[in-house]
C-alpha atoms as a PDB file:
ATOM      1  CA  MET A   1     151.620  81.016  68.798  1.00  0.00           C
ATOM      2  CA  SER A   2     154.051  79.970  65.648  1.00  0.00           C
ATOM      3  CA  ILE A   3     154.793  76.540  64.335  1.00  0.00           C
ATOM      4  CA  ASP A   4     157.595  74.617  63.262  1.00  0.00           C
ATOM      5  CA  GLN A   5     158.808  72.489  61.060  1.00  0.00           C
ATOM      6  CA  ASP A   6     158.203  69.629  63.619  1.00  0.00           C
ATOM      7  CA  THR A   7     154.599  70.937  64.209  1.00  0.00           C
ATOM      8  CA  ALA A   8     153.885  71.028  60.599  1.00  0.00           C
ATOM      9  CA  ALA A   9     155.203  67.746  60.177  1.00  0.00           C
ATOM     10  CA  LYS A  10     153.248  66.115  62.525  1.00  0.00           C
ATOM     11  CA  VAL A  11     149.706  67.696  61.423  1.00  0.00           C
ATOM     12  CA  ALA A  12     150.329  66.755  58.122  1.00  0.00           C
ATOM     13  CA  LYS A  13     150.907  62.547  59.165  1.00  0.00           C
ATOM     14  CA  LEU A  14     147.458  63.452  61.550  1.00  0.00           C
ATOM     15  CA  ALA A  15     146.081  64.797  58.701  1.00  0.00           C
ATOM     16  CA  ARG A  16     147.200  61.852  56.298  1.00  0.00           C
ATOM     17  CA  ILE A  17     149.281  64.071  53.516  1.00  0.00           C
ATOM     18  CA  ARG A  18     152.795  62.948  52.661  1.00  0.00           C
ATOM     19  CA  VAL A  19     155.163  65.711  52.955  1.00  0.00           C
ATOM     20  CA  GLU A  20     158.330  66.309  51.315  1.00  0.00           C
ATOM     21  CA  PRO A  21     161.281  67.133  54.249  1.00  0.00           C
ATOM     22  CA  GLU A  22     162.257  70.072  51.692  1.00  0.00           C
ATOM     23  CA  GLU A  23     158.224  71.325  51.665  1.00  0.00           C
ATOM     24  CA  LEU A  24     158.319  71.570  55.817  1.00  0.00           C
ATOM     25  CA  PRO A  25     159.316  75.544  55.641  1.00  0.00           C
ATOM     26  CA  ALA A  26     156.730  76.736  53.781  1.00  0.00           C
ATOM     27  CA  LEU A  27     154.264  74.305  55.669  1.00  0.00           C
ATOM     28  CA  ALA A  28     155.135  76.041  58.259  1.00  0.00           C
ATOM     29  CA  GLN A  29     155.435  79.188  57.049  1.00  0.00           C
ATOM     30  CA  GLU A  30     151.932  79.280  55.939  1.00  0.00           C
ATOM     31  CA  PHE A  31     150.709  77.698  58.855  1.00  0.00           C
ATOM     32  CA  ASN A  32     151.497  80.950  60.253  1.00  0.00           C
ATOM     33  CA  GLY A  33     150.366  82.610  58.333  1.00  0.00           C
ATOM     34  CA  ILE A  34     146.693  81.217  58.850  1.00  0.00           C
ATOM     35  CA  LEU A  35     147.054  81.173  62.482  1.00  0.00           C
ATOM     36  CA  GLY A  36     147.967  85.272  62.578  1.00  0.00           C
ATOM     37  CA  PHE A  37     145.057  85.453  60.190  1.00  0.00           C
ATOM     38  CA  ILE A  38     143.062  84.065  62.712  1.00  0.00           C
ATOM     39  CA  GLU A  39     144.066  86.369  65.753  1.00  0.00           C
ATOM     40  CA  GLN A  40     143.693  88.876  63.350  1.00  0.00           C
ATOM     41  CA  LEU A  41     139.626  87.981  63.016  1.00  0.00           C
ATOM     42  CA  SER A  42     139.855  87.719  67.210  1.00  0.00           C
ATOM     43  CA  GLU A  43     140.855  91.755  67.876  1.00  0.00           C
ATOM     44  CA  VAL A  44     137.670  92.918  65.710  1.00  0.00           C
ATOM     45  CA  ASP A  45     134.599  94.169  67.696  1.00  0.00           C
ATOM     46  CA  VAL A  46     131.770  92.571  67.050  1.00  0.00           C
ATOM     47  CA  GLU A  47     129.626  93.585  69.761  1.00  0.00           C
ATOM     48  CA  GLY A  48     126.144  94.502  69.154  1.00  0.00           C
ATOM     49  CA  VAL A  49     126.371  92.967  66.046  1.00  0.00           C
ATOM     50  CA  GLU A  50     123.469  90.342  65.899  1.00  0.00           C
ATOM     51  CA  PRO A  51     124.293  87.297  63.458  1.00  0.00           C
ATOM     52  CA  MET A  52     123.550  86.595  59.819  1.00  0.00           C
ATOM     53  CA  VAL A  53     121.816  84.677  57.991  1.00  0.00           C
ATOM     54  CA  SER A  54     123.103  86.132  54.212  1.00  0.00           C
ATOM     55  CA  VAL A  55     124.135  89.546  53.566  1.00  0.00           C
ATOM     56  CA  THR A  56     120.389  91.102  52.574  1.00  0.00           C
ATOM     57  CA  PRO A  57     118.451  91.084  55.607  1.00  0.00           C
ATOM     58  CA  MET A  58     115.362  88.620  55.343  1.00  0.00           C
ATOM     59  CA  ARG A  59     113.647  85.662  57.640  1.00  0.00           C
ATOM     60  CA  LEU A  60     114.196  82.138  57.060  1.00  0.00           C
ATOM     61  CA  LYS A  61     111.116  80.530  55.507  1.00  0.00           C
ATOM     62  CA  ARG A  62     109.787  78.667  58.350  1.00  0.00           C
ATOM     63  CA  ARG A  63     107.671  75.611  58.669  1.00  0.00           C
ATOM     64  CA  GLU A  64     105.431  73.534  61.657  1.00  0.00           C
ATOM     65  CA  ASP A  65     107.303  70.819  63.330  1.00  0.00           C
ATOM     66  CA  GLY A  66     105.449  68.012  63.043  1.00  0.00           C
ATOM     67  CA  VAL A  67     105.808  64.326  62.445  1.00  0.00           C
ATOM     68  CA  THR A  68     103.722  63.971  58.567  1.00  0.00           C
ATOM     69  CA  ASP A  69     104.637  60.521  57.843  1.00  0.00           C
ATOM     70  CA  GLY A  70     105.432  58.072  60.385  1.00  0.00           C
ATOM     71  CA  GLY A  71     104.385  54.961  61.846  1.00  0.00           C
ATOM     72  CA  GLN A  72     106.024  52.335  59.068  1.00  0.00           C
ATOM     73  CA  GLN A  73     108.316  51.316  61.607  1.00  0.00           C
ATOM     74  CA  GLU A  74     107.303  47.743  60.068  1.00  0.00           C
ATOM     75  CA  LYS A  75     107.592  48.457  56.793  1.00  0.00           C
ATOM     76  CA  VAL A  76     111.398  49.944  57.035  1.00  0.00           C
ATOM     77  CA  LEU A  77     112.532  47.645  59.719  1.00  0.00           C
ATOM     78  CA  ALA A  78     111.655  44.859  56.325  1.00  0.00           C
ATOM     79  CA  ASN A  79     114.451  45.889  54.716  1.00  0.00           C
ATOM     80  CA  ALA A  80     116.549  45.099  57.205  1.00  0.00           C
ATOM     81  CA  PRO A  81     119.581  42.116  57.459  1.00  0.00           C
ATOM     82  CA  ASP A  82     119.085  41.574  61.414  1.00  0.00           C
ATOM     83  CA  ALA A  83     115.980  43.791  63.225  1.00  0.00           C
ATOM     84  CA  ARG A  84     115.731  42.661  66.734  1.00  0.00           C
ATOM     85  CA  GLU A  85     113.150  44.469  69.149  1.00  0.00           C
ATOM     86  CA  GLY A  86     112.311  46.775  66.829  1.00  0.00           C
ATOM     87  CA  PHE A  87     115.664  47.832  66.087  1.00  0.00           C
ATOM     88  CA  PHE A  88     118.325  47.454  62.658  1.00  0.00           C
ATOM     89  CA  ALA A  89     120.756  44.882  64.563  1.00  0.00           C
ATOM     90  CA  VAL A  90     124.275  46.095  63.756  1.00  0.00           C
ATOM     91  CA  PRO A  91     127.313  43.475  63.745  1.00  0.00           C
ATOM     92  CA  LYS A  92     129.618  44.564  66.501  1.00  0.00           C
ATOM     93  CA  VAL A  93     131.981  47.149  65.655  1.00  0.00           C
ATOM     94  CA  VAL A  94     134.366  48.143  68.929  1.00  0.00           C
ATOM     95  CA  GLU A  95     135.538  45.412  71.128  1.00  0.00           C
END
């Protein structure tokens, strides 16, 4: 996949980044370099390789998943400017 200057301009606009017209060729080239690196990564054979959390083998600490401080609905809703039927009431955002 190759990124041209028009596509680089569209990406910059979507990202809300102002890019001067004379900088578009360099931006397109940088995007193409990034995509080339991603293509190289897809060629790596990872068959049989386990996902890692860290570079050193270690087990994550685990705890029991249990409610430790619940049942305070009234106290939490006391801070709400508008609460109805046990929930926070918020103004409609999307018409």
